[in-house]
Amino acid sequence: MPVLALTEAAPLLSARGALIGLDLGTKTIGVATSDPDRRLATAVERELIAADVSRGKRKAVVDQHAAVFILQGALDRLARIAE
């Protein structure tokens, strides 16, 4: 599948549906998902805090945080394109 710029991919996307963001690290891959309305990206930190996971163990999910920032930036850009 070809890699497209977000501005090129936007017209090809359906109006609704979750998107995923990936942070392709050298050792691990961070993954984030959006809500179906594509307004908010979510990593796993909230769930880990709710599950009382220690800070040290949460630190291991840095790649997920990066994926969230990547996906949130794309969601914000898509919202501006649609306006």
Protein backbone atom coordinates (compact mmCIF):
# COMPACT_ATOMS: atom_id res chain seq x y z
CA MET A 1 0.00 0.00 0.00
CA PRO A 2 1.42 3.40 -0.89
CA VAL A 3 2.21 5.97 1.78
CA LEU A 4 0.25 9.16 1.18
CA ALA A 5 0.51 12.58 2.73
CA LEU A 6 -2.37 13.25 5.08
CA THR A 7 -3.77 15.91 2.76
CA GLU A 8 -3.83 13.35 -0.07
CA ALA A 9 -5.35 10.60 2.08
CA ALA A 10 -8.09 12.75 3.65
CA PRO A 11 -10.47 12.67 0.65
CA LEU A 12 -10.15 8.88 0.52
CA LEU A 13 -11.29 8.35 4.11
CA SER A 14 -14.87 7.64 5.10
CA ALA A 15 -16.63 10.30 7.17
CA ARG A 16 -16.35 8.31 10.41
CA GLY A 17 -14.27 5.52 11.81
CA ALA A 18 -11.35 5.04 14.13
CA LEU A 19 -7.83 5.60 12.86
CA ILE A 20 -4.58 4.24 14.22
CA GLY A 21 -1.26 5.98 14.67
CA LEU A 22 2.08 4.22 14.75
CA ASP A 23 5.42 5.23 16.16
CA LEU A 24 7.88 2.95 14.39
CA GLY A 25 10.77 2.83 16.83
CA THR A 26 13.97 0.88 16.40
CA LYS A 27 13.10 -1.62 19.13
CA THR A 28 9.35 -1.28 19.66
CA ILE A 29 6.29 0.05 17.91
CA GLY A 30 3.91 2.43 19.67
CA VAL A 31 0.24 2.19 18.75
CA ALA A 32 -2.56 4.69 19.38
CA THR A 33 -6.21 4.67 18.34
CA SER A 34 -8.74 7.42 17.81
CA ASP A 35 -12.38 7.59 18.70
CA PRO A 36 -14.82 6.94 15.80
CA ASP A 37 -15.40 10.69 15.39
CA ARG A 38 -11.63 11.21 15.01
CA ARG A 39 -11.36 13.90 17.65
CA LEU A 40 -9.19 12.27 20.28
CA ALA A 41 -6.23 9.91 20.22
CA THR A 42 -5.76 7.64 23.25
CA ALA A 43 -2.43 5.69 24.38
CA VAL A 44 -2.63 3.18 27.42
CA GLU A 45 -1.48 5.45 30.31
CA ARG A 46 -4.95 6.20 31.65
CA GLU A 47 -5.75 2.53 31.76
CA LEU A 48 -2.44 1.77 33.45
CA ILE A 49 -3.01 4.44 36.10
CA ALA A 50 -6.50 3.09 36.71
CA ALA A 51 -4.98 -0.36 37.13
CA ASP A 52 -2.50 1.09 39.68
CA VAL A 53 0.56 0.27 37.57
CA SER A 54 3.76 1.80 38.95
CA ARG A 55 5.42 4.79 37.33
CA GLY A 56 8.42 2.71 36.42
CA LYS A 57 6.31 0.22 34.52
CA ARG A 58 4.31 2.99 32.87
CA LYS A 59 7.57 4.51 31.67
CA ALA A 60 7.95 1.47 29.44
CA VAL A 61 5.10 2.70 27.23
CA VAL A 62 6.91 5.77 25.91
CA ASP A 63 6.35 4.61 22.33
CA GLN A 64 2.60 4.60 22.87
CA HIS A 65 2.84 8.23 23.96
CA ALA A 66 4.70 9.11 20.81
CA ALA A 67 2.05 7.33 18.74
CA VAL A 68 -0.67 9.34 20.50
CA PHE A 69 1.04 12.63 19.62
CA ILE A 70 1.45 11.51 16.02
CA LEU A 71 -2.17 10.44 15.69
CA GLN A 72 -3.55 13.49 17.53
CA GLY A 73 -1.65 15.76 15.18
CA ALA A 74 -3.13 13.91 12.21
CA LEU A 75 -6.66 14.10 13.67
CA ASP A 76 -6.31 17.84 14.26
CA ARG A 77 -5.03 18.31 10.69
CA LEU A 78 -7.90 16.24 9.26
CA ALA A 79 -10.39 18.40 11.16
CA ARG A 80 -8.88 21.55 9.62
CA ILE A 81 -8.93 20.03 6.13
CA ALA A 82 -12.63 19.18 6.49
CA GLU A 83 -13.56 22.76 7.44
